[in-house]
Amino acid sequence: METARTQVIDRQLTFEAFTTAGANEDDKIAEKRLNNLLEINAETRRRKAMFRSEREELEAALMSNPYSVKRTFSYFGLLLGTFTPAAMFARFIIDARIFQSNDFWILGVMFVINLLAAAGGYYSGRLIGRIVSEAEKISWTQMILTLPFVGILWGVLAGGAGGVIVFFFGAFFGAALGAAVGSVALPAFTIFHRLLKRGDKIEQKHFLPLAYGITFIISAFILGL
């Protein structure tokens, strides 16, 4: 009698263990499906926030050479940091008539300053790209009012980096020039970037004429052309 009772208890325990194991497995499957569903919903919300329409999403997928925000503003900063100081130095060389004197060492200093300014524009462009990416999500009016100040910050970072070789005065002058350039260049570029981008990327064929065009216009203005 005792043996039969023990067998019944063992069978009950085995059944309960099997039932519990099955329930745990079902819970894991349900949890996995729920997590997958949450990920799909999150991705759907992200895509809706990034793309203004299904057509824009399709155009983004068909881009042959897209530039991310970080790459876009790094390259634009590189162009500004290279050509606008070069234009200023060219204007100085013409006005000071350096080639008619023996002050050729100044050219070496200018080259180093230009190199540092280009590097400053490139690397600070990554930070500015993140700021602009958030600015493009707000209204056009708010964005346009905000961007000159962001451009000033960018110019101070890049121009100050270039002028630091000439110590305090050079850093101050470089930052001032950079701030003036950035306050104009960044709003102008970002307005077209917001119109031409698809999601958070812009096609190379749109970026290049836009970036070079704005850079050369500002450089020509510095040269007095």
C-alpha atoms as a PDB file:
ATOM      1  CA  MET A   1       0.000   0.000   0.000  1.00  0.00           C
ATOM      2  CA  GLU A   2       2.835   2.340   0.918  1.00  0.00           C
ATOM      3  CA  THR A   3       4.631   1.507  -2.323  1.00  0.00           C
ATOM      4  CA  ALA A   4       1.563   2.342  -4.422  1.00  0.00           C
ATOM      5  CA  ARG A   5       1.176   5.657  -2.640  1.00  0.00           C
ATOM      6  CA  THR A   6       4.834   6.489  -3.274  1.00  0.00           C
ATOM      7  CA  GLN A   7       4.451   5.708  -6.972  1.00  0.00           C
ATOM      8  CA  VAL A   8       1.404   7.975  -7.192  1.00  0.00           C
ATOM      9  CA  ILE A   9       3.296  10.819  -5.514  1.00  0.00           C
ATOM     10  CA  ASP A  10       6.276  10.342  -7.818  1.00  0.00           C
ATOM     11  CA  ARG A  11       4.030  10.443 -10.859  1.00  0.00           C
ATOM     12  CA  GLN A  12       2.378  13.631  -9.580  1.00  0.00           C
ATOM     13  CA  LEU A  13       5.752  15.277  -9.017  1.00  0.00           C
ATOM     14  CA  THR A  14       6.945  14.199 -12.452  1.00  0.00           C
ATOM     15  CA  PHE A  15       3.783  15.534 -14.088  1.00  0.00           C
ATOM     16  CA  GLU A  16       4.056  18.825 -12.205  1.00  0.00           C
ATOM     17  CA  ALA A  17       7.719  19.174 -13.201  1.00  0.00           C
ATOM     18  CA  PHE A  18       6.861  18.449 -16.823  1.00  0.00           C
ATOM     19  CA  THR A  19       3.984  20.929 -16.713  1.00  0.00           C
ATOM     20  CA  THR A  20       6.197  23.600 -15.128  1.00  0.00           C
ATOM     21  CA  ALA A  21       8.953  23.026 -17.692  1.00  0.00           C
ATOM     22  CA  GLY A  22       6.437  23.281 -20.511  1.00  0.00           C
ATOM     23  CA  ALA A  23       4.992  26.452 -19.068  1.00  0.00           C
ATOM     24  CA  ASN A  24       8.456  27.991 -18.738  1.00  0.00           C
ATOM     25  CA  GLU A  25       9.235  27.105 -22.344  1.00  0.00           C
ATOM     26  CA  ASP A  26       5.955  28.684 -23.481  1.00  0.00           C
ATOM     27  CA  ASP A  27       6.771  31.794 -21.468  1.00  0.00           C
ATOM     28  CA  LYS A  28      10.190  32.062 -23.122  1.00  0.00           C
ATOM     29  CA  ILE A  29       8.657  31.716 -26.573  1.00  0.00           C
ATOM     30  CA  ALA A  30       5.999  34.308 -25.779  1.00  0.00           C
ATOM     31  CA  GLU A  31       8.631  36.676 -24.362  1.00  0.00           C
ATOM     32  CA  LYS A  32      10.800  36.259 -27.457  1.00  0.00           C
ATOM     33  CA  ARG A  33       7.861  36.979 -29.748  1.00  0.00           C
ATOM     34  CA  LEU A  34       6.948  40.036 -27.676  1.00  0.00           C
ATOM     35  CA  ASN A  35      10.515  41.362 -27.851  1.00  0.00           C
ATOM     36  CA  ASN A  36      10.568  40.841 -31.623  1.00  0.00           C
ATOM     37  CA  LEU A  37       7.273  42.696 -31.923  1.00  0.00           C
ATOM     38  CA  LEU A  38       8.579  45.570 -29.817  1.00  0.00           C
ATOM     39  CA  GLU A  39      11.712  45.786 -31.967  1.00  0.00           C
ATOM     40  CA  ILE A  40       9.613  45.845 -35.144  1.00  0.00           C
ATOM     41  CA  ASN A  41       7.393  48.601 -33.720  1.00  0.00           C
ATOM     42  CA  ALA A  42      10.437  50.611 -32.615  1.00  0.00           C
ATOM     43  CA  GLU A  43      11.993  50.271 -36.073  1.00  0.00           C
ATOM     44  CA  THR A  44       8.711  51.330 -37.691  1.00  0.00           C
ATOM     45  CA  ARG A  45       8.522  54.430 -35.478  1.00  0.00           C
ATOM     46  CA  ARG A  46      12.169  55.250 -36.237  1.00  0.00           C
ATOM     47  CA  ARG A  47      11.589  55.015 -39.984  1.00  0.00           C
ATOM     48  CA  LYS A  48       8.454  57.149 -39.794  1.00  0.00           C
ATOM     49  CA  ALA A  49      10.378  59.782 -37.845  1.00  0.00           C
ATOM     50  CA  MET A  50      13.302  59.675 -40.288  1.00  0.00           C
ATOM     51  CA  PHE A  51      11.407  59.641 -43.599  1.00  0.00           C
ATOM     52  CA  ARG A  52       8.656  62.058 -44.543  1.00  0.00           C
ATOM     53  CA  SER A  53       7.027  59.611 -46.945  1.00  0.00           C
ATOM     54  CA  GLU A  54       7.365  56.149 -48.426  1.00  0.00           C
ATOM     55  CA  ARG A  55       8.688  57.719 -51.621  1.00  0.00           C
ATOM     56  CA  GLU A  56      11.498  59.391 -49.675  1.00  0.00           C
ATOM     57  CA  GLU A  57      12.368  56.077 -48.036  1.00  0.00           C
ATOM     58  CA  LEU A  58      12.526  54.463 -51.473  1.00  0.00           C
ATOM     59  CA  GLU A  59      14.738  57.255 -52.810  1.00  0.00           C
ATOM     60  CA  ALA A  60      17.069  56.806 -49.835  1.00  0.00           C
ATOM     61  CA  ALA A  61      17.338  53.106 -50.550  1.00  0.00           C
ATOM     62  CA  LEU A  62      18.232  53.843 -54.194  1.00  0.00           C
ATOM     63  CA  MET A  63      21.068  56.263 -53.387  1.00  0.00           C
ATOM     64  CA  SER A  64      24.280  55.238 -55.114  1.00  0.00           C
ATOM     65  CA  ASN A  65      26.704  57.150 -52.876  1.00  0.00           C
ATOM     66  CA  PRO A  66      24.970  58.522 -49.764  1.00  0.00           C
ATOM     67  CA  TYR A  67      26.737  60.724 -47.226  1.00  0.00           C
ATOM     68  CA  SER A  68      25.792  60.421 -43.556  1.00  0.00           C
ATOM     69  CA  VAL A  69      25.333  63.547 -41.436  1.00  0.00           C
ATOM     70  CA  LYS A  70      28.731  63.053 -39.773  1.00  0.00           C
ATOM     71  CA  ARG A  71      30.482  62.599 -43.113  1.00  0.00           C
ATOM     72  CA  THR A  72      28.611  65.489 -44.716  1.00  0.00           C
ATOM     73  CA  PHE A  73      29.522  68.105 -42.142  1.00  0.00           C
ATOM     74  CA  SER A  74      33.049  66.790 -41.664  1.00  0.00           C
ATOM     75  CA  TYR A  75      33.730  67.216 -45.388  1.00  0.00           C
ATOM     76  CA  PHE A  76      32.007  70.586 -45.482  1.00  0.00           C
ATOM     77  CA  GLY A  77      34.101  71.692 -42.507  1.00  0.00           C
ATOM     78  CA  LEU A  78      37.207  70.481 -44.310  1.00  0.00           C
ATOM     79  CA  LEU A  79      36.346  72.587 -47.358  1.00  0.00           C
ATOM     80  CA  LEU A  80      35.599  75.690 -45.311  1.00  0.00           C
ATOM     81  CA  GLY A  81      38.708  75.208 -43.182  1.00  0.00           C
ATOM     82  CA  THR A  82      40.845  74.823 -46.295  1.00  0.00           C
ATOM     83  CA  PHE A  83      39.621  77.415 -48.774  1.00  0.00           C
ATOM     84  CA  THR A  84      38.396  80.338 -46.673  1.00  0.00           C
ATOM     85  CA  PRO A  85      41.696  80.819 -44.769  1.00  0.00           C
ATOM     86  CA  ALA A  86      43.556  80.269 -48.057  1.00  0.00           C
ATOM     87  CA  ALA A  87      41.495  83.051 -49.620  1.00  0.00           C
ATOM     88  CA  MET A  88      42.289  85.343 -46.708  1.00  0.00           C
ATOM     89  CA  PHE A  89      46.020  84.557 -46.975  1.00  0.00           C
ATOM     90  CA  ALA A  90      45.951  85.076 -50.742  1.00  0.00           C
ATOM     91  CA  ARG A  91      44.367  88.475 -50.199  1.00  0.00           C
ATOM     92  CA  PHE A  92      47.051  89.304 -47.622  1.00  0.00           C
ATOM     93  CA  ILE A  93      49.872  88.162 -49.931  1.00  0.00           C
ATOM     94  CA  ILE A  94      48.541  90.302 -52.778  1.00  0.00           C
ATOM     95  CA  ASP A  95      48.048  93.374 -50.605  1.00  0.00           C
ATOM     96  CA  ALA A  96      51.364  93.019 -48.713  1.00  0.00           C
ATOM     97  CA  ARG A  97      53.314  92.103 -51.852  1.00  0.00           C
ATOM     98  CA  ILE A  98      55.237  89.397 -50.032  1.00  0.00           C
ATOM     99  CA  PHE A  99      56.768  88.062 -53.238  1.00  0.00           C
ATOM    100  CA  GLN A 100      58.531  91.399 -53.676  1.00  0.00           C
ATOM    101  CA  SER A 101      60.198  91.044 -50.252  1.00  0.00           C
ATOM    102  CA  ASN A 102      62.215  88.401 -48.431  1.00  0.00           C
ATOM    103  CA  ASP A 103      59.471  87.408 -46.000  1.00  0.00           C
ATOM    104  CA  PHE A 104      58.884  83.983 -47.523  1.00  0.00           C
ATOM    105  CA  TRP A 105      58.896  82.358 -44.073  1.00  0.00           C
ATOM    106  CA  ILE A 106      55.412  83.805 -43.637  1.00  0.00           C
ATOM    107  CA  LEU A 107      54.177  81.386 -46.300  1.00  0.00           C
ATOM    108  CA  GLY A 108      55.243  78.452 -44.125  1.00  0.00           C
ATOM    109  CA  VAL A 109      53.354  79.863 -41.143  1.00  0.00           C
ATOM    110  CA  MET A 110      50.276  80.393 -43.309  1.00  0.00           C
ATOM    111  CA  PHE A 111      50.458  76.839 -44.584  1.00  0.00           C
ATOM    112  CA  VAL A 112      50.546  75.411 -41.042  1.00  0.00           C
ATOM    113  CA  ILE A 113      47.670  77.657 -39.950  1.00  0.00           C
ATOM    114  CA  ASN A 114      45.658  76.577 -42.998  1.00  0.00           C
ATOM    115  CA  LEU A 115      46.381  72.926 -42.270  1.00  0.00           C
ATOM    116  CA  LEU A 116      45.264  73.249 -38.636  1.00  0.00           C
ATOM    117  CA  ALA A 117      42.124  75.143 -39.649  1.00  0.00           C
ATOM    118  CA  ALA A 118      41.227  72.413 -42.168  1.00  0.00           C
ATOM    119  CA  ALA A 119      41.744  69.712 -39.525  1.00  0.00           C
ATOM    120  CA  GLY A 120      39.703  71.722 -37.014  1.00  0.00           C
ATOM    121  CA  GLY A 121      36.857  72.139 -39.488  1.00  0.00           C
ATOM    122  CA  TYR A 122      36.878  68.439 -40.319  1.00  0.00           C
ATOM    123  CA  TYR A 123      36.874  67.056 -36.787  1.00  0.00           C
ATOM    124  CA  SER A 124      34.541  69.655 -35.283  1.00  0.00           C
ATOM    125  CA  GLY A 125      32.168  68.929 -38.177  1.00  0.00           C
ATOM    126  CA  ARG A 126      31.257  65.647 -36.508  1.00  0.00           C
ATOM    127  CA  LEU A 127      29.938  67.495 -33.451  1.00  0.00           C
ATOM    128  CA  ILE A 128      28.207  70.136 -35.557  1.00  0.00           C
ATOM    129  CA  GLY A 129      26.590  67.403 -37.659  1.00  0.00           C
ATOM    130  CA  ARG A 130      24.909  65.936 -34.589  1.00  0.00           C
ATOM    131  CA  ILE A 131      23.658  69.368 -33.532  1.00  0.00           C
ATOM    132  CA  VAL A 132      22.339  70.155 -37.020  1.00  0.00           C
ATOM    133  CA  SER A 133      20.657  66.752 -37.217  1.00  0.00           C
ATOM    134  CA  GLU A 134      18.593  67.678 -34.161  1.00  0.00           C
ATOM    135  CA  ALA A 135      17.993  71.222 -35.436  1.00  0.00           C
ATOM    136  CA  GLU A 136      16.533  69.865 -38.676  1.00  0.00           C
ATOM    137  CA  LYS A 137      13.777  68.168 -36.675  1.00  0.00           C
ATOM    138  CA  ILE A 138      12.316  71.430 -35.403  1.00  0.00           C
ATOM    139  CA  SER A 139      10.383  74.028 -37.384  1.00  0.00           C
ATOM    140  CA  TRP A 140      12.035  75.932 -40.211  1.00  0.00           C
ATOM    141  CA  THR A 141      11.797  79.244 -38.355  1.00  0.00           C
ATOM    142  CA  GLN A 142      13.392  77.890 -35.180  1.00  0.00           C
ATOM    143  CA  MET A 143      16.096  76.143 -37.176  1.00  0.00           C
ATOM    144  CA  ILE A 144      17.029  79.247 -39.177  1.00  0.00           C
ATOM    145  CA  LEU A 145      17.177  81.363 -36.014  1.00  0.00           C
ATOM    146  CA  THR A 146      19.344  78.778 -34.232  1.00  0.00           C
ATOM    147  CA  LEU A 147      21.850  77.901 -36.950  1.00  0.00           C
ATOM    148  CA  PRO A 148      23.862  81.185 -37.005  1.00  0.00           C
ATOM    149  CA  PHE A 149      24.839  80.594 -33.384  1.00  0.00           C
ATOM    150  CA  VAL A 150      25.773  76.988 -34.135  1.00  0.00           C
ATOM    151  CA  GLY A 151      27.803  78.288 -37.082  1.00  0.00           C
ATOM    152  CA  ILE A 152      29.597  80.744 -34.808  1.00  0.00           C
ATOM    153  CA  LEU A 153      30.489  77.891 -32.472  1.00  0.00           C
ATOM    154  CA  TRP A 154      31.808  75.867 -35.405  1.00  0.00           C
ATOM    155  CA  GLY A 155      33.851  78.791 -36.690  1.00  0.00           C
ATOM    156  CA  VAL A 156      35.348  79.440 -33.265  1.00  0.00           C
ATOM    157  CA  LEU A 157      36.399  75.798 -32.951  1.00  0.00           C
ATOM    158  CA  ALA A 158      37.915  75.536 -36.414  1.00  0.00           C
ATOM    159  CA  GLY A 159      39.330  79.052 -36.693  1.00  0.00           C
ATOM    160  CA  GLY A 160      40.720  79.000 -33.159  1.00  0.00           C
ATOM    161  CA  ALA A 161      42.462  75.711 -33.872  1.00  0.00           C
ATOM    162  CA  GLY A 162      44.129  77.219 -36.923  1.00  0.00           C
ATOM    163  CA  GLY A 163      45.171  80.464 -35.266  1.00  0.00           C
ATOM    164  CA  VAL A 164      46.493  78.912 -32.067  1.00  0.00           C
ATOM    165  CA  ILE A 165      49.938  78.547 -33.661  1.00  0.00           C
ATOM    166  CA  VAL A 166      50.271  82.340 -33.502  1.00  0.00           C
ATOM    167  CA  PHE A 167      49.366  82.219 -29.806  1.00  0.00           C
ATOM    168  CA  PHE A 168      46.557  84.289 -28.289  1.00  0.00           C
ATOM    169  CA  PHE A 169      46.207  86.969 -30.960  1.00  0.00           C
ATOM    170  CA  GLY A 170      46.212  84.451 -33.781  1.00  0.00           C
ATOM    171  CA  ALA A 171      43.686  82.215 -32.049  1.00  0.00           C
ATOM    172  CA  PHE A 172      41.410  85.197 -31.395  1.00  0.00           C
ATOM    173  CA  PHE A 173      41.658  86.455 -34.977  1.00  0.00           C
ATOM    174  CA  GLY A 174      41.138  82.955 -36.397  1.00  0.00           C
ATOM    175  CA  ALA A 175      38.130  82.369 -34.159  1.00  0.00           C
ATOM    176  CA  ALA A 176      36.635  85.722 -35.191  1.00  0.00           C
ATOM    177  CA  LEU A 177      37.074  84.977 -38.892  1.00  0.00           C
ATOM    178  CA  GLY A 178      35.741  81.453 -38.436  1.00  0.00           C
ATOM    179  CA  ALA A 179      32.715  82.724 -36.530  1.00  0.00           C
ATOM    180  CA  ALA A 180      31.892  85.171 -39.334  1.00  0.00           C
ATOM    181  CA  VAL A 181      32.205  82.447 -41.978  1.00  0.00           C
ATOM    182  CA  GLY A 182      30.345  79.816 -39.960  1.00  0.00           C
ATOM    183  CA  SER A 183      27.420  82.104 -39.137  1.00  0.00           C
ATOM    184  CA  VAL A 184      26.738  82.490 -42.870  1.00  0.00           C
ATOM    185  CA  ALA A 185      27.912  79.176 -44.319  1.00  0.00           C
ATOM    186  CA  LEU A 186      26.152  76.800 -41.944  1.00  0.00           C
ATOM    187  CA  PRO A 187      22.605  78.234 -42.286  1.00  0.00           C
ATOM    188  CA  ALA A 188      22.946  78.456 -46.079  1.00  0.00           C
ATOM    189  CA  PHE A 189      24.210  74.885 -46.346  1.00  0.00           C
ATOM    190  CA  THR A 190      21.721  73.400 -43.885  1.00  0.00           C
ATOM    191  CA  ILE A 191      18.684  74.899 -45.599  1.00  0.00           C
ATOM    192  CA  PHE A 192      19.576  73.043 -48.810  1.00  0.00           C
ATOM    193  CA  HIS A 193      20.695  69.970 -46.876  1.00  0.00           C
ATOM    194  CA  ARG A 194      17.285  69.702 -45.232  1.00  0.00           C
ATOM    195  CA  LEU A 195      15.566  69.992 -48.610  1.00  0.00           C
ATOM    196  CA  LEU A 196      17.809  67.516 -50.422  1.00  0.00           C
ATOM    197  CA  LYS A 197      18.420  64.868 -47.773  1.00  0.00           C
ATOM    198  CA  ARG A 198      16.549  61.584 -47.698  1.00  0.00           C
ATOM    199  CA  GLY A 199      16.252  60.333 -44.160  1.00  0.00           C
ATOM    200  CA  ASP A 200      19.538  61.386 -42.599  1.00  0.00           C
ATOM    201  CA  LYS A 201      21.641  61.033 -45.771  1.00  0.00           C
ATOM    202  CA  ILE A 202      22.345  63.187 -48.802  1.00  0.00           C
ATOM    203  CA  GLU A 203      23.476  61.968 -52.207  1.00  0.00           C
ATOM    204  CA  GLN A 204      27.039  62.786 -53.223  1.00  0.00           C
ATOM    205  CA  LYS A 205      25.894  64.443 -56.472  1.00  0.00           C
ATOM    206  CA  HIS A 206      23.877  66.913 -54.366  1.00  0.00           C
ATOM    207  CA  PHE A 207      26.470  67.419 -51.644  1.00  0.00           C
ATOM    208  CA  LEU A 208      29.468  68.269 -53.829  1.00  0.00           C
ATOM    209  CA  PRO A 209      28.041  71.212 -55.829  1.00  0.00           C
ATOM    210  CA  LEU A 210      26.324  72.556 -52.722  1.00  0.00           C
ATOM    211  CA  ALA A 211      29.397  72.384 -50.471  1.00  0.00           C
ATOM    212  CA  TYR A 212      31.859  73.644 -53.089  1.00  0.00           C
ATOM    213  CA  GLY A 213      29.469  76.332 -54.274  1.00  0.00           C
ATOM    214  CA  ILE A 214      28.959  77.858 -50.826  1.00  0.00           C
ATOM    215  CA  THR A 215      32.666  77.564 -49.985  1.00  0.00           C
ATOM    216  CA  PHE A 216      33.824  79.218 -53.213  1.00  0.00           C
ATOM    217  CA  ILE A 217      31.252  82.012 -52.969  1.00  0.00           C
ATOM    218  CA  ILE A 218      32.487  82.901 -49.476  1.00  0.00           C
ATOM    219  CA  SER A 219      36.112  82.596 -50.596  1.00  0.00           C
ATOM    220  CA  ALA A 220      35.460  84.885 -53.566  1.00  0.00           C
ATOM    221  CA  PHE A 221      33.832  87.417 -51.241  1.00  0.00           C
ATOM    222  CA  ILE A 222      36.954  87.339 -49.003  1.00  0.00           C
ATOM    223  CA  LEU A 223      39.180  87.839 -52.038  1.00  0.00           C
ATOM    224  CA  GLY A 224      37.043  90.765 -53.077  1.00  0.00           C
ATOM    225  CA  LEU A 225      36.136  89.291 -56.474  1.00  0.00           C
END
